Amino acid sequence: MKYQFIAIEGPIGVGKTTLATQLATHFKASFLTDTDSTNPYLKAFYRDPASAALHTQLHFLVSRLASLRNPAVVNPTQPIVADFLLDKDRLFAELTLDHTEWWMYSQIFEQQVANVPQPDLVIYLQAPLERLIERIERRGLGHEQRIDSNYLQQLGALYERFFLGYTRTPLLIVNAADINLADESAEVARLATIISEFEGGRQYFNPLKLNHQD
């Protein structure tokens, strides 16, 4: 595979983990996941964000750093597909922390991220707010049912702003509003082909448009 470390990003409910799993299988790559089920502060955060935001973000940061410093990532023997980009941590922190907490968090972030392995391709999944809400409700994770739609909307805006100016790696932007990511669908196979042929820069993939042309 041309790209040895692919990171998939996008807002909550967009399908990051599902697509990462499928692409890891397709490319016979290692799957690096950003599961939130091990964060002991997450349920408290969704109940009362202000009281648990800093603990939640620091736990996520430490967990993600540990994953990226794993020897299998630092010195990989096969390609890696991850369902997170470390930079996402700052987006959530910006949205949830107050000024004092943000300053403290930023100091820790900047001191810890040096020499952490970075992906050589990022895939950004986009979907409208109503589709994210549908998917969150459908997968039925208890703590996620407390997520406020305004929070999702603000988070989506932060993602849009971040990737609008993103130039660190090649970037593939995918319209994930209505595609089937749950199995080796035609859309996933087509996306895998695009990844294999992608020469860098910034590219958009809209499977709905392609299906319409078919």
N, C-alpha and C. Protein backbone atom coordinates (compact mmCIF):
# COMPACT_ATOMS: atom_id res chain seq x y z
N MET A 1 0.85 -1.19 0.00
CA MET A 1 0.00 0.00 0.00
C MET A 1 0.89 1.24 0.00
N LYS A 2 0.52 2.25 -0.79
CA LYS A 2 1.32 3.46 -0.94
C LYS A 2 1.47 4.20 0.39
N TYR A 3 0.37 4.33 1.13
CA TYR A 3 0.38 5.06 2.40
C TYR A 3 0.49 4.06 3.55
N GLN A 4 1.48 4.27 4.40
CA GLN A 4 1.75 3.32 5.47
C GLN A 4 1.01 3.64 6.76
N PHE A 5 0.49 4.85 6.89
CA PHE A 5 -0.23 5.22 8.11
C PHE A 5 -1.38 6.14 7.69
N ILE A 6 -2.58 5.60 7.71
CA ILE A 6 -3.79 6.34 7.34
C ILE A 6 -4.58 6.64 8.60
N ALA A 7 -4.97 7.90 8.77
CA ALA A 7 -5.84 8.29 9.89
C ALA A 7 -7.17 8.77 9.34
N ILE A 8 -8.25 8.32 9.96
CA ILE A 8 -9.60 8.69 9.53
C ILE A 8 -10.21 9.58 10.61
N GLU A 9 -10.76 10.72 10.18
CA GLU A 9 -11.32 11.67 11.14
C GLU A 9 -12.70 12.16 10.69
N GLY A 10 -13.36 12.82 11.64
CA GLY A 10 -14.69 13.37 11.42
C GLY A 10 -15.44 13.40 12.73
N PRO A 11 -16.58 14.06 12.76
CA PRO A 11 -17.32 14.22 14.00
C PRO A 11 -17.92 12.92 14.52
N ILE A 12 -18.43 12.97 15.73
CA ILE A 12 -19.04 11.81 16.38
C ILE A 12 -20.18 11.28 15.51
N GLY A 13 -20.18 9.97 15.26
CA GLY A 13 -21.27 9.35 14.52
C GLY A 13 -21.09 9.30 13.02
N VAL A 14 -19.97 9.79 12.51
CA VAL A 14 -19.81 9.87 11.05
C VAL A 14 -19.38 8.55 10.43
N GLY A 15 -18.82 7.63 11.23
CA GLY A 15 -18.44 6.32 10.71
C GLY A 15 -16.95 6.05 10.66
N LYS A 16 -16.17 6.72 11.48
CA LYS A 16 -14.71 6.58 11.46
C LYS A 16 -14.26 5.16 11.75
N THR A 17 -14.74 4.60 12.85
CA THR A 17 -14.29 3.27 13.25
C THR A 17 -14.73 2.22 12.26
N THR A 18 -15.94 2.34 11.76
CA THR A 18 -16.46 1.38 10.78
C THR A 18 -15.61 1.38 9.53
N LEU A 19 -15.32 2.56 8.99
CA LEU A 19 -14.51 2.63 7.78
C LEU A 19 -13.08 2.17 8.04
N ALA A 20 -12.51 2.58 9.16
CA ALA A 20 -11.14 2.17 9.48
C ALA A 20 -11.03 0.65 9.55
N THR A 21 -12.02 0.01 10.13
CA THR A 21 -12.02 -1.45 10.21
C THR A 21 -12.04 -2.07 8.83
N GLN A 22 -12.90 -1.54 7.95
CA GLN A 22 -13.01 -2.08 6.60
C GLN A 22 -11.73 -1.86 5.80
N LEU A 23 -11.14 -0.68 5.91
CA LEU A 23 -9.92 -0.41 5.16
C LEU A 23 -8.74 -1.22 5.69
N ALA A 24 -8.68 -1.40 7.00
CA ALA A 24 -7.61 -2.23 7.57
C ALA A 24 -7.70 -3.66 7.04
N THR A 25 -8.92 -4.17 6.95
CA THR A 25 -9.11 -5.51 6.39
C THR A 25 -8.72 -5.54 4.92
N HIS A 26 -9.18 -4.55 4.18
CA HIS A 26 -8.91 -4.50 2.73
C HIS A 26 -7.42 -4.44 2.44
N PHE A 27 -6.70 -3.60 3.18
CA PHE A 27 -5.27 -3.41 2.93
C PHE A 27 -4.38 -4.33 3.76
N LYS A 28 -4.99 -5.24 4.53
CA LYS A 28 -4.23 -6.13 5.41
C LYS A 28 -3.31 -5.32 6.33
N ALA A 29 -3.90 -4.31 6.94
CA ALA A 29 -3.17 -3.39 7.80
C ALA A 29 -3.57 -3.59 9.26
N SER A 30 -2.76 -3.07 10.17
CA SER A 30 -3.12 -3.04 11.59
C SER A 30 -4.18 -1.97 11.82
N PHE A 31 -5.10 -2.26 12.72
CA PHE A 31 -6.17 -1.33 13.05
C PHE A 31 -5.87 -0.70 14.40
N LEU A 32 -5.75 0.63 14.42
CA LEU A 32 -5.48 1.38 15.64
C LEU A 32 -6.73 2.16 16.01
N THR A 33 -7.33 1.83 17.14
CA THR A 33 -8.63 2.41 17.46
C THR A 33 -8.55 3.41 18.61
N ASP A 34 -9.48 4.34 18.58
CA ASP A 34 -9.61 5.38 19.59
C ASP A 34 -10.91 5.15 20.36
N THR A 35 -11.02 4.03 21.03
CA THR A 35 -12.26 3.71 21.73
C THR A 35 -12.47 4.65 22.91
N ASP A 36 -13.71 5.13 23.05
CA ASP A 36 -14.00 6.01 24.19
C ASP A 36 -14.56 5.24 25.38
N SER A 37 -14.74 3.93 25.21
CA SER A 37 -15.39 3.16 26.28
C SER A 37 -14.51 3.02 27.52
N THR A 38 -13.21 3.27 27.39
CA THR A 38 -12.31 3.13 28.53
C THR A 38 -12.09 4.44 29.27
N ASN A 39 -12.71 5.52 28.81
CA ASN A 39 -12.55 6.81 29.50
C ASN A 39 -13.53 6.89 30.65
N PRO A 40 -13.05 6.82 31.90
CA PRO A 40 -13.96 6.77 33.05
C PRO A 40 -14.69 8.08 33.32
N TYR A 41 -14.28 9.14 32.65
CA TYR A 41 -14.90 10.46 32.89
C TYR A 41 -15.97 10.82 31.87
N LEU A 42 -16.13 9.99 30.84
CA LEU A 42 -16.97 10.39 29.72
C LEU A 42 -18.44 10.49 30.10
N LYS A 43 -18.95 9.54 30.87
CA LYS A 43 -20.36 9.60 31.26
C LYS A 43 -20.63 10.85 32.10
N ALA A 44 -19.71 11.15 33.01
CA ALA A 44 -19.88 12.36 33.82
C ALA A 44 -19.82 13.61 32.96
N PHE A 45 -18.98 13.57 31.92
CA PHE A 45 -18.88 14.73 31.03
C PHE A 45 -20.20 15.00 30.32
N TYR A 46 -20.83 13.95 29.81
CA TYR A 46 -22.09 14.16 29.10
C TYR A 46 -23.22 14.57 30.04
N ARG A 47 -23.11 14.20 31.32
CA ARG A 47 -24.11 14.65 32.30
C ARG A 47 -23.89 16.12 32.65
N ASP A 48 -22.63 16.49 32.86
CA ASP A 48 -22.31 17.86 33.29
C ASP A 48 -20.95 18.23 32.71
N PRO A 49 -20.91 18.73 31.47
CA PRO A 49 -19.64 18.97 30.78
C PRO A 49 -18.65 19.83 31.57
N ALA A 50 -19.11 20.89 32.19
CA ALA A 50 -18.19 21.81 32.85
C ALA A 50 -17.41 21.14 33.98
N SER A 51 -18.03 20.20 34.67
CA SER A 51 -17.40 19.60 35.84
C SER A 51 -16.37 18.52 35.49
N ALA A 52 -16.45 17.97 34.29
CA ALA A 52 -15.58 16.84 33.95
C ALA A 52 -14.79 17.04 32.67
N ALA A 53 -14.86 18.21 32.07
CA ALA A 53 -14.23 18.41 30.76
C ALA A 53 -12.72 18.22 30.78
N LEU A 54 -12.04 18.81 31.76
CA LEU A 54 -10.59 18.73 31.79
C LEU A 54 -10.12 17.30 32.01
N HIS A 55 -10.71 16.61 32.98
CA HIS A 55 -10.34 15.22 33.23
C HIS A 55 -10.59 14.36 31.98
N THR A 56 -11.71 14.60 31.32
CA THR A 56 -12.05 13.83 30.12
C THR A 56 -11.00 14.04 29.03
N GLN A 57 -10.65 15.29 28.78
CA GLN A 57 -9.70 15.59 27.71
C GLN A 57 -8.30 15.09 28.02
N LEU A 58 -7.86 15.22 29.26
CA LEU A 58 -6.53 14.74 29.60
C LEU A 58 -6.45 13.22 29.51
N HIS A 59 -7.52 12.55 29.88
CA HIS A 59 -7.52 11.09 29.76
C HIS A 59 -7.44 10.68 28.30
N PHE A 60 -8.22 11.34 27.44
CA PHE A 60 -8.15 11.04 26.02
C PHE A 60 -6.75 11.31 25.47
N LEU A 61 -6.15 12.42 25.86
CA LEU A 61 -4.83 12.76 25.35
C LEU A 61 -3.80 11.72 25.76
N VAL A 62 -3.79 11.34 27.02
CA VAL A 62 -2.83 10.34 27.51
C VAL A 62 -3.04 9.01 26.79
N SER A 63 -4.30 8.61 26.62
CA SER A 63 -4.61 7.35 25.96
C SER A 63 -4.16 7.36 24.50
N ARG A 64 -4.44 8.45 23.79
CA ARG A 64 -4.05 8.53 22.38
C ARG A 64 -2.54 8.57 22.21
N LEU A 65 -1.86 9.29 23.10
CA LEU A 65 -0.41 9.33 23.04
C LEU A 65 0.18 7.95 23.28
N ALA A 66 -0.37 7.21 24.23
CA ALA A 66 0.12 5.86 24.50
C ALA A 66 -0.06 4.96 23.29
N SER A 67 -1.20 5.09 22.62
CA SER A 67 -1.45 4.28 21.42
C SER A 67 -0.43 4.59 20.33
N LEU A 68 -0.15 5.88 20.13
CA LEU A 68 0.75 6.28 19.06
C LEU A 68 2.22 6.00 19.39
N ARG A 69 2.53 5.82 20.68
CA ARG A 69 3.90 5.50 21.07
C ARG A 69 4.14 4.00 21.19
N ASN A 70 3.13 3.23 20.87
CA ASN A 70 3.28 1.78 20.87
C ASN A 70 4.36 1.39 19.86
N PRO A 71 5.25 0.45 20.22
CA PRO A 71 6.31 0.06 19.28
C PRO A 71 5.79 -0.38 17.91
N ALA A 72 4.60 -0.95 17.87
CA ALA A 72 4.03 -1.38 16.59
C ALA A 72 3.70 -0.20 15.69
N VAL A 73 3.53 0.98 16.29
CA VAL A 73 3.27 2.20 15.51
C VAL A 73 4.57 2.94 15.22
N VAL A 74 5.45 3.01 16.21
CA VAL A 74 6.72 3.71 16.04
C VAL A 74 7.60 2.99 15.01
N ASN A 75 7.63 1.68 15.08
CA ASN A 75 8.42 0.87 14.13
C ASN A 75 7.52 -0.19 13.50
N PRO A 76 6.64 0.23 12.61
CA PRO A 76 5.63 -0.69 12.08
C PRO A 76 6.22 -1.73 11.13
N THR A 77 5.65 -2.92 11.17
CA THR A 77 6.02 -3.97 10.23
C THR A 77 4.95 -4.16 9.16
N GLN A 78 3.85 -3.45 9.29
CA GLN A 78 2.79 -3.47 8.29
C GLN A 78 2.05 -2.14 8.34
N PRO A 79 1.27 -1.82 7.31
CA PRO A 79 0.54 -0.54 7.30
C PRO A 79 -0.40 -0.43 8.49
N ILE A 80 -0.77 0.80 8.82
CA ILE A 80 -1.65 1.09 9.95
C ILE A 80 -2.82 1.94 9.46
N VAL A 81 -4.02 1.59 9.90
CA VAL A 81 -5.20 2.43 9.68
C VAL A 81 -5.78 2.77 11.04
N ALA A 82 -5.83 4.06 11.37
CA ALA A 82 -6.33 4.52 12.66
C ALA A 82 -7.65 5.24 12.50
N ASP A 83 -8.51 5.13 13.51
CA ASP A 83 -9.79 5.84 13.46
C ASP A 83 -9.74 7.16 14.24
N PHE A 84 -8.54 7.74 14.33
CA PHE A 84 -8.41 9.05 14.98
C PHE A 84 -7.13 9.74 14.50
N LEU A 85 -7.14 11.04 14.59
CA LEU A 85 -5.99 11.90 14.36
C LEU A 85 -5.74 12.64 15.67
N LEU A 86 -4.50 12.66 16.12
CA LEU A 86 -4.22 13.26 17.42
C LEU A 86 -4.69 14.71 17.51
N ASP A 87 -4.63 15.42 16.40
CA ASP A 87 -5.05 16.83 16.40
C ASP A 87 -6.51 17.01 16.80
N LYS A 88 -7.33 15.96 16.67
CA LYS A 88 -8.73 16.07 17.06
C LYS A 88 -8.86 16.45 18.53
N ASP A 89 -7.88 16.02 19.32
CA ASP A 89 -7.95 16.26 20.75
C ASP A 89 -8.08 17.75 21.05
N ARG A 90 -7.37 18.56 20.28
CA ARG A 90 -7.42 20.00 20.49
C ARG A 90 -8.78 20.58 20.11
N LEU A 91 -9.44 20.00 19.13
CA LEU A 91 -10.76 20.49 18.74
C LEU A 91 -11.76 20.30 19.86
N PHE A 92 -11.78 19.09 20.44
CA PHE A 92 -12.69 18.83 21.55
C PHE A 92 -12.34 19.69 22.76
N ALA A 93 -11.05 19.86 23.01
CA ALA A 93 -10.62 20.68 24.14
C ALA A 93 -11.04 22.13 23.95
N GLU A 94 -10.88 22.63 22.75
CA GLU A 94 -11.28 24.02 22.47
C GLU A 94 -12.76 24.23 22.72
N LEU A 95 -13.55 23.22 22.42
CA LEU A 95 -15.00 23.33 22.56
C LEU A 95 -15.44 23.21 24.02
N THR A 96 -14.73 22.44 24.83
CA THR A 96 -15.25 22.07 26.15
C THR A 96 -14.55 22.73 27.33
N LEU A 97 -13.31 23.20 27.16
CA LEU A 97 -12.56 23.72 28.30
C LEU A 97 -12.74 25.23 28.45
N ASP A 98 -12.68 25.69 29.70
CA ASP A 98 -12.69 27.13 29.91
C ASP A 98 -11.28 27.68 29.67
N HIS A 99 -11.12 29.00 29.80
CA HIS A 99 -9.85 29.63 29.42
C HIS A 99 -8.67 29.08 30.22
N THR A 100 -8.82 28.96 31.53
CA THR A 100 -7.72 28.47 32.37
C THR A 100 -7.39 27.02 32.05
N GLU A 101 -8.42 26.20 31.90
CA GLU A 101 -8.20 24.79 31.57
C GLU A 101 -7.55 24.65 30.20
N TRP A 102 -7.99 25.47 29.24
CA TRP A 102 -7.42 25.41 27.90
C TRP A 102 -5.93 25.74 27.92
N TRP A 103 -5.53 26.73 28.71
CA TRP A 103 -4.12 27.08 28.81
C TRP A 103 -3.32 25.90 29.36
N MET A 104 -3.80 25.30 30.43
CA MET A 104 -3.10 24.16 31.03
C MET A 104 -3.01 23.00 30.04
N TYR A 105 -4.14 22.69 29.43
CA TYR A 105 -4.18 21.59 28.47
C TYR A 105 -3.21 21.84 27.32
N SER A 106 -3.18 23.05 26.79
CA SER A 106 -2.33 23.38 25.65
C SER A 106 -0.86 23.20 25.99
N GLN A 107 -0.47 23.58 27.21
CA GLN A 107 0.92 23.40 27.64
C GLN A 107 1.29 21.92 27.64
N ILE A 108 0.41 21.10 28.18
CA ILE A 108 0.66 19.65 28.24
C ILE A 108 0.72 19.08 26.83
N PHE A 109 -0.23 19.47 25.99
CA PHE A 109 -0.29 18.96 24.62
C PHE A 109 1.01 19.26 23.87
N GLU A 110 1.45 20.50 23.91
CA GLU A 110 2.63 20.90 23.15
C GLU A 110 3.89 20.19 23.65
N GLN A 111 3.96 19.92 24.94
CA GLN A 111 5.13 19.26 25.50
C GLN A 111 5.17 17.77 25.17
N GLN A 112 4.01 17.17 24.94
CA GLN A 112 3.93 15.72 24.81
C GLN A 112 3.89 15.22 23.36
N VAL A 113 3.53 16.08 22.41
CA VAL A 113 3.28 15.57 21.06
C VAL A 113 4.54 15.49 20.20
N ALA A 114 5.65 16.03 20.68
CA ALA A 114 6.88 15.98 19.88
C ALA A 114 7.28 14.53 19.61
N ASN A 115 7.66 14.27 18.37
CA ASN A 115 8.16 12.96 17.94
C ASN A 115 7.11 11.85 17.98
N VAL A 116 5.84 12.21 18.08
CA VAL A 116 4.79 11.21 17.97
C VAL A 116 4.58 10.89 16.50
N PRO A 117 4.47 9.62 16.12
CA PRO A 117 4.27 9.28 14.71
C PRO A 117 3.04 9.98 14.13
N GLN A 118 3.19 10.48 12.90
CA GLN A 118 2.11 11.18 12.22
C GLN A 118 1.68 10.38 11.00
N PRO A 119 0.40 10.44 10.66
CA PRO A 119 -0.06 9.73 9.45
C PRO A 119 0.52 10.35 8.19
N ASP A 120 0.56 9.58 7.11
CA ASP A 120 0.96 10.15 5.83
C ASP A 120 -0.23 10.33 4.89
N LEU A 121 -1.44 10.00 5.38
CA LEU A 121 -2.69 10.31 4.68
C LEU A 121 -3.79 10.46 5.72
N VAL A 122 -4.60 11.50 5.58
CA VAL A 122 -5.76 11.70 6.45
C VAL A 122 -7.02 11.66 5.59
N ILE A 123 -8.02 10.93 6.06
CA ILE A 123 -9.33 10.87 5.41
C ILE A 123 -10.33 11.56 6.33
N TYR A 124 -10.97 12.58 5.82
CA TYR A 124 -11.94 13.36 6.60
C TYR A 124 -13.34 13.02 6.12
N LEU A 125 -14.14 12.43 7.00
CA LEU A 125 -15.52 12.06 6.68
C LEU A 125 -16.46 13.18 7.06
N GLN A 126 -17.34 13.54 6.14
CA GLN A 126 -18.33 14.59 6.38
C GLN A 126 -19.74 14.01 6.31
N ALA A 127 -20.63 14.53 7.14
CA ALA A 127 -22.06 14.18 7.08
C ALA A 127 -22.84 15.29 7.77
N PRO A 128 -24.07 15.55 7.33
CA PRO A 128 -24.86 16.61 7.96
C PRO A 128 -25.28 16.23 9.37
N LEU A 129 -25.65 17.23 10.14
CA LEU A 129 -25.99 17.05 11.55
C LEU A 129 -27.08 16.00 11.74
N GLU A 130 -28.13 16.07 10.94
CA GLU A 130 -29.24 15.12 11.12
C GLU A 130 -28.81 13.68 10.91
N ARG A 131 -27.84 13.45 10.00
CA ARG A 131 -27.35 12.09 9.79
C ARG A 131 -26.51 11.63 10.97
N LEU A 132 -25.72 12.51 11.54
CA LEU A 132 -24.94 12.14 12.73
C LEU A 132 -25.85 11.76 13.88
N ILE A 133 -26.91 12.53 14.09
CA ILE A 133 -27.86 12.24 15.17
C ILE A 133 -28.52 10.89 14.94
N GLU A 134 -28.92 10.60 13.71
CA GLU A 134 -29.53 9.31 13.39
C GLU A 134 -28.60 8.16 13.74
N ARG A 135 -27.34 8.28 13.36
CA ARG A 135 -26.39 7.20 13.59
C ARG A 135 -26.08 7.03 15.07
N ILE A 136 -25.96 8.12 15.79
CA ILE A 136 -25.73 8.04 17.23
C ILE A 136 -26.90 7.35 17.92
N GLU A 137 -28.12 7.69 17.53
CA GLU A 137 -29.30 7.06 18.11
C GLU A 137 -29.36 5.58 17.75
N ARG A 138 -28.98 5.25 16.51
CA ARG A 138 -29.08 3.87 16.05
C ARG A 138 -28.08 2.96 16.75
N ARG A 139 -26.87 3.46 17.01
CA ARG A 139 -25.91 2.56 17.65
C ARG A 139 -26.14 2.43 19.15
N GLY A 140 -26.90 3.33 19.74
CA GLY A 140 -27.46 3.12 21.06
C GLY A 140 -26.50 3.07 22.22
N LEU A 141 -25.36 3.73 22.13
CA LEU A 141 -24.46 3.79 23.28
C LEU A 141 -25.04 4.74 24.32
N GLY A 142 -25.18 4.25 25.54
CA GLY A 142 -25.91 5.00 26.56
C GLY A 142 -25.40 6.40 26.80
N HIS A 143 -24.08 6.55 26.96
CA HIS A 143 -23.54 7.88 27.26
C HIS A 143 -23.71 8.84 26.09
N GLU A 144 -23.75 8.32 24.86
CA GLU A 144 -23.90 9.20 23.70
C GLU A 144 -25.30 9.77 23.55
N GLN A 145 -26.28 9.12 24.17
CA GLN A 145 -27.65 9.60 24.04
C GLN A 145 -27.84 10.94 24.73
N ARG A 146 -26.88 11.33 25.55
CA ARG A 146 -26.95 12.63 26.23
C ARG A 146 -26.32 13.76 25.41
N ILE A 147 -25.73 13.43 24.27
CA ILE A 147 -25.06 14.46 23.48
C ILE A 147 -26.08 15.45 22.94
N ASP A 148 -25.82 16.71 23.17
CA ASP A 148 -26.72 17.77 22.73
C ASP A 148 -26.46 18.10 21.25
N SER A 149 -27.53 18.36 20.50
CA SER A 149 -27.38 18.66 19.08
C SER A 149 -26.56 19.93 18.85
N ASN A 150 -26.66 20.90 19.76
CA ASN A 150 -25.86 22.12 19.63
C ASN A 150 -24.37 21.81 19.76
N TYR A 151 -24.05 20.88 20.66
CA TYR A 151 -22.66 20.45 20.83
C TYR A 151 -22.15 19.82 19.55
N LEU A 152 -22.96 18.95 18.94
CA LEU A 152 -22.57 18.31 17.69
C LEU A 152 -22.38 19.34 16.58
N GLN A 153 -23.27 20.30 16.53
CA GLN A 153 -23.18 21.33 15.49
C GLN A 153 -21.90 22.17 15.65
N GLN A 154 -21.60 22.55 16.88
CA GLN A 154 -20.38 23.32 17.13
C GLN A 154 -19.13 22.50 16.82
N LEU A 155 -19.18 21.22 17.18
CA LEU A 155 -18.05 20.34 16.90
C LEU A 155 -17.83 20.21 15.39
N GLY A 156 -18.93 20.05 14.66
CA GLY A 156 -18.83 19.96 13.20
C GLY A 156 -18.21 21.21 12.60
N ALA A 157 -18.56 22.37 13.13
CA ALA A 157 -17.99 23.63 12.64
C ALA A 157 -16.49 23.69 12.90
N LEU A 158 -16.05 23.18 14.06
CA LEU A 158 -14.62 23.16 14.37
C LEU A 158 -13.87 22.24 13.41
N TYR A 159 -14.46 21.09 13.11
CA TYR A 159 -13.84 20.19 12.14
C TYR A 159 -13.71 20.86 10.78
N GLU A 160 -14.78 21.53 10.34
CA GLU A 160 -14.74 22.20 9.04
C GLU A 160 -13.64 23.26 9.00
N ARG A 161 -13.54 24.04 10.06
CA ARG A 161 -12.52 25.08 10.12
C ARG A 161 -11.12 24.48 10.11
N PHE A 162 -10.94 23.41 10.89
CA PHE A 162 -9.63 22.78 10.99
C PHE A 162 -9.17 22.25 9.63
N PHE A 163 -10.04 21.51 8.96
CA PHE A 163 -9.63 20.89 7.70
C PHE A 163 -9.62 21.86 6.53
N LEU A 164 -10.29 22.98 6.67
CA LEU A 164 -10.22 24.00 5.62
C LEU A 164 -8.78 24.47 5.41
N GLY A 165 -8.04 24.57 6.50
CA GLY A 165 -6.65 25.03 6.40
C GLY A 165 -5.62 23.93 6.58
N TYR A 166 -6.05 22.66 6.55
CA TYR A 166 -5.14 21.56 6.83
C TYR A 166 -4.22 21.28 5.64
N THR A 167 -2.91 21.29 5.88
CA THR A 167 -1.94 21.03 4.81
C THR A 167 -0.82 20.08 5.25
N ARG A 168 -0.91 19.53 6.44
CA ARG A 168 0.20 18.74 6.98
C ARG A 168 0.43 17.46 6.19
N THR A 169 -0.63 16.84 5.72
CA THR A 169 -0.52 15.60 4.97
C THR A 169 -1.48 15.66 3.78
N PRO A 170 -1.37 14.73 2.83
CA PRO A 170 -2.43 14.60 1.84
C PRO A 170 -3.77 14.39 2.54
N LEU A 171 -4.83 14.96 1.96
CA LEU A 171 -6.14 14.93 2.60
C LEU A 171 -7.19 14.47 1.59
N LEU A 172 -7.92 13.43 1.96
CA LEU A 172 -9.03 12.93 1.16
C LEU A 172 -10.32 13.22 1.91
N ILE A 173 -11.19 14.04 1.33
CA ILE A 173 -12.44 14.44 1.97
C ILE A 173 -13.58 13.64 1.37
N VAL A 174 -14.34 12.93 2.21
CA VAL A 174 -15.35 11.99 1.75
C VAL A 174 -16.73 12.42 2.22
N ASN A 175 -17.67 12.49 1.31
CA ASN A 175 -19.07 12.69 1.67
C ASN A 175 -19.62 11.36 2.18
N ALA A 176 -19.75 11.25 3.50
CA ALA A 176 -20.17 9.99 4.13
C ALA A 176 -21.62 10.02 4.56
N ALA A 177 -22.41 10.92 3.99
CA ALA A 177 -23.79 11.10 4.45
C ALA A 177 -24.64 9.86 4.24
N ASP A 178 -24.50 9.22 3.10
CA ASP A 178 -25.42 8.13 2.77
C ASP A 178 -24.72 6.91 2.21
N ILE A 179 -23.45 6.70 2.52
CA ILE A 179 -22.77 5.53 2.00
C ILE A 179 -22.77 4.41 3.03
N ASN A 180 -22.66 3.20 2.56
CA ASN A 180 -22.65 2.02 3.40
C ASN A 180 -21.21 1.70 3.77
N LEU A 181 -20.87 1.90 5.03
CA LEU A 181 -19.52 1.61 5.51
C LEU A 181 -19.46 0.32 6.32
N ALA A 182 -20.60 -0.33 6.49
CA ALA A 182 -20.68 -1.44 7.44
C ALA A 182 -20.13 -2.74 6.88
N ASP A 183 -19.95 -2.84 5.57
CA ASP A 183 -19.35 -4.04 5.01
C ASP A 183 -18.55 -3.64 3.77
N GLU A 184 -17.99 -4.62 3.09
CA GLU A 184 -17.16 -4.34 1.91
C GLU A 184 -18.08 -3.96 0.75
N SER A 185 -18.68 -2.81 0.87
CA SER A 185 -19.62 -2.32 -0.13
C SER A 185 -18.87 -1.80 -1.34
N ALA A 186 -19.62 -1.48 -2.39
CA ALA A 186 -19.01 -0.92 -3.58
C ALA A 186 -18.34 0.41 -3.27
N GLU A 187 -18.95 1.19 -2.35
CA GLU A 187 -18.37 2.48 -1.99
C GLU A 187 -17.03 2.32 -1.30
N VAL A 188 -16.93 1.34 -0.39
CA VAL A 188 -15.67 1.11 0.32
C VAL A 188 -14.60 0.63 -0.66
N ALA A 189 -14.98 -0.28 -1.56
CA ALA A 189 -14.02 -0.77 -2.55
C ALA A 189 -13.54 0.36 -3.46
N ARG A 190 -14.46 1.23 -3.85
CA ARG A 190 -14.10 2.36 -4.70
C ARG A 190 -13.17 3.32 -3.95
N LEU A 191 -13.46 3.54 -2.68
CA LEU A 191 -12.61 4.41 -1.87
C LEU A 191 -11.22 3.82 -1.72
N ALA A 192 -11.13 2.51 -1.53
CA ALA A 192 -9.83 1.86 -1.42
C ALA A 192 -9.01 2.04 -2.70
N THR A 193 -9.68 1.98 -3.84
CA THR A 193 -8.99 2.21 -5.11
C THR A 193 -8.48 3.64 -5.21
N ILE A 194 -9.31 4.59 -4.79
CA ILE A 194 -8.89 6.00 -4.81
C ILE A 194 -7.68 6.22 -3.91
N ILE A 195 -7.68 5.60 -2.74
CA ILE A 195 -6.54 5.72 -1.82
C ILE A 195 -5.27 5.18 -2.48
N SER A 196 -5.39 4.03 -3.13
CA SER A 196 -4.23 3.41 -3.76
C SER A 196 -3.66 4.27 -4.88
N GLU A 197 -4.53 5.06 -5.54
CA GLU A 197 -4.10 5.87 -6.69
C GLU A 197 -3.85 7.32 -6.32
N PHE A 198 -4.14 7.70 -5.09
CA PHE A 198 -4.07 9.10 -4.67
C PHE A 198 -2.62 9.58 -4.68
N GLU A 199 -2.37 10.68 -5.38
CA GLU A 199 -1.00 11.19 -5.53
C GLU A 199 -0.67 12.30 -4.53
N GLY A 200 -1.59 12.66 -3.67
CA GLY A 200 -1.32 13.69 -2.69
C GLY A 200 -2.14 14.93 -2.92
N GLY A 201 -1.90 15.94 -2.10
CA GLY A 201 -2.69 17.16 -2.19
C GLY A 201 -4.02 16.99 -1.48
N ARG A 202 -5.06 17.53 -2.07
CA ARG A 202 -6.41 17.48 -1.50
C ARG A 202 -7.38 16.98 -2.57
N GLN A 203 -8.19 15.99 -2.20
CA GLN A 203 -9.13 15.42 -3.15
C GLN A 203 -10.46 15.16 -2.46
N TYR A 204 -11.55 15.26 -3.23
CA TYR A 204 -12.89 15.03 -2.71
C TYR A 204 -13.47 13.77 -3.34
N PHE A 205 -14.17 12.99 -2.52
CA PHE A 205 -14.82 11.77 -3.01
C PHE A 205 -16.29 11.84 -2.63
N ASN A 206 -17.14 11.88 -3.65
CA ASN A 206 -18.58 11.93 -3.43
C ASN A 206 -19.21 10.71 -4.08
N PRO A 207 -19.38 9.61 -3.33
CA PRO A 207 -19.93 8.39 -3.93
C PRO A 207 -21.34 8.55 -4.46
N LEU A 208 -22.12 9.46 -3.89
CA LEU A 208 -23.49 9.66 -4.37
C LEU A 208 -23.48 10.18 -5.79
N LYS A 209 -22.56 11.08 -6.10
CA LYS A 209 -22.45 11.62 -7.45
C LYS A 209 -22.04 10.53 -8.43
N LEU A 210 -21.09 9.69 -8.02
CA LEU A 210 -20.65 8.62 -8.89
C LEU A 210 -21.76 7.61 -9.13
N ASN A 211 -22.51 7.28 -8.07
CA ASN A 211 -23.62 6.35 -8.22
C ASN A 211 -24.67 6.90 -9.16
N HIS A 212 -24.92 8.21 -9.09
CA HIS A 212 -25.89 8.84 -9.97
C HIS A 212 -25.45 8.74 -11.42
N GLN A 213 -24.15 8.91 -11.67
CA GLN A 213 -23.64 8.82 -13.02
C GLN A 213 -23.72 7.40 -13.54
N ASP A 214 -23.59 6.41 -12.64
CA ASP A 214 -23.70 5.01 -13.07
C ASP A 214 -25.11 4.73 -13.57
